[in-house]
Amino acid sequence: MAKLKLDGLSEDKPVKVTVELSGSIHRNLIAYATVLAAETRQAPLPPEKLIAPMLERFMATDRAFAKAQRQVISKDNA
């Protein structure tokens, strides 16, 4: 089985956000939760529990975002 980008999910203080998703994204989140559950041998999570870790992972691996963020921080510290 291929290694998923998400692995164990950490607990953090939640902030409630409402988002609207297309039906295909929702179906893919359900499928992802099923595959993740099989890989981690845990019960499938509700799809809404995957959104935050996916966004976190996306931003952590986005080089352009990291570069821009460093530039903003260095400007603030100058």
Protein backbone atom coordinates (compact mmCIF):
# COMPACT_ATOMS: atom_id res chain seq x y z
CA MET A 1 0.00 0.00 0.00
CA ALA A 2 1.27 3.49 -0.81
CA LYS A 3 2.33 5.76 2.05
CA LEU A 4 -0.30 8.43 2.65
CA LYS A 5 0.72 12.03 3.30
CA LEU A 6 -1.24 11.96 6.56
CA ASP A 7 -0.34 9.70 9.41
CA GLY A 8 -1.34 9.86 13.06
CA LEU A 9 -3.43 12.92 13.81
CA SER A 10 -2.55 15.06 16.81
CA GLU A 11 -5.07 16.69 19.08
CA ASP A 12 -5.07 20.47 19.34
CA LYS A 13 -7.54 23.03 20.62
CA PRO A 14 -10.15 23.17 17.86
CA VAL A 15 -11.51 26.30 16.23
CA LYS A 16 -14.92 25.94 14.61
CA VAL A 17 -14.99 26.83 10.89
CA THR A 18 -17.80 26.25 8.42
CA VAL A 19 -16.85 25.34 4.86
CA GLU A 20 -18.79 24.24 1.84
CA LEU A 21 -17.35 21.34 -0.18
CA SER A 22 -18.33 19.84 -3.48
CA GLY A 23 -19.85 16.38 -3.43
CA SER A 24 -16.76 14.89 -5.09
CA ILE A 25 -14.42 16.33 -2.44
CA HIS A 26 -16.67 14.97 0.30
CA ARG A 27 -16.70 11.52 -1.30
CA ASN A 28 -12.90 11.64 -1.62
CA LEU A 29 -12.56 12.60 2.04
CA ILE A 30 -14.68 9.58 2.98
CA ALA A 31 -12.53 7.35 0.77
CA TYR A 32 -9.34 8.84 2.24
CA ALA A 33 -10.64 8.22 5.78
CA THR A 34 -11.29 4.58 4.85
CA VAL A 35 -7.80 4.09 3.40
CA LEU A 36 -6.18 5.89 6.35
CA ALA A 37 -8.12 3.69 8.78
CA ALA A 38 -6.88 0.56 7.01
CA GLU A 39 -3.30 1.85 7.01
CA THR A 40 -3.31 2.86 10.69
CA ARG A 41 -5.57 -0.02 11.80
CA GLN A 42 -7.94 2.39 13.50
CA ALA A 43 -11.60 3.21 13.05
CA PRO A 44 -12.34 5.56 10.15
CA LEU A 45 -12.53 9.21 11.13
CA PRO A 46 -15.38 11.44 10.06
CA PRO A 47 -14.34 13.31 6.90
CA GLU A 48 -14.41 16.70 8.64
CA LYS A 49 -11.60 15.53 10.97
CA LEU A 50 -9.28 15.15 7.95
CA ILE A 51 -9.61 18.69 6.61
CA ALA A 52 -7.41 20.46 9.17
CA PRO A 53 -4.51 17.96 9.02
CA MET A 54 -4.67 17.99 5.21
CA LEU A 55 -4.50 21.77 5.13
CA GLU A 56 -1.68 21.73 7.69
CA ARG A 57 0.29 19.21 5.62
CA PHE A 58 -0.37 21.16 2.42
CA MET A 59 0.92 24.40 3.92
CA ALA A 60 3.91 22.67 5.54
CA THR A 61 5.04 21.30 2.17
CA ASP A 62 4.29 24.39 0.06
CA ARG A 63 7.73 25.90 -0.62
CA ALA A 64 6.36 29.15 -2.05
CA PHE A 65 4.26 29.67 1.08
CA ALA A 66 7.23 28.93 3.37
CA LYS A 67 9.41 31.39 1.47
CA ALA A 68 6.76 34.12 1.59
CA GLN A 69 6.15 33.47 5.27
CA ARG A 70 9.89 33.79 6.03
CA GLN A 71 9.99 37.08 4.13
CA VAL A 72 7.04 38.47 6.12
CA ILE A 73 8.62 37.38 9.40
CA SER A 74 12.01 38.89 8.50
CA LYS A 75 10.30 42.19 7.55
CA ASP A 76 8.50 42.23 10.89
CA ASN A 77 11.77 41.62 12.76
CA ALA A 78 13.71 44.31 10.84
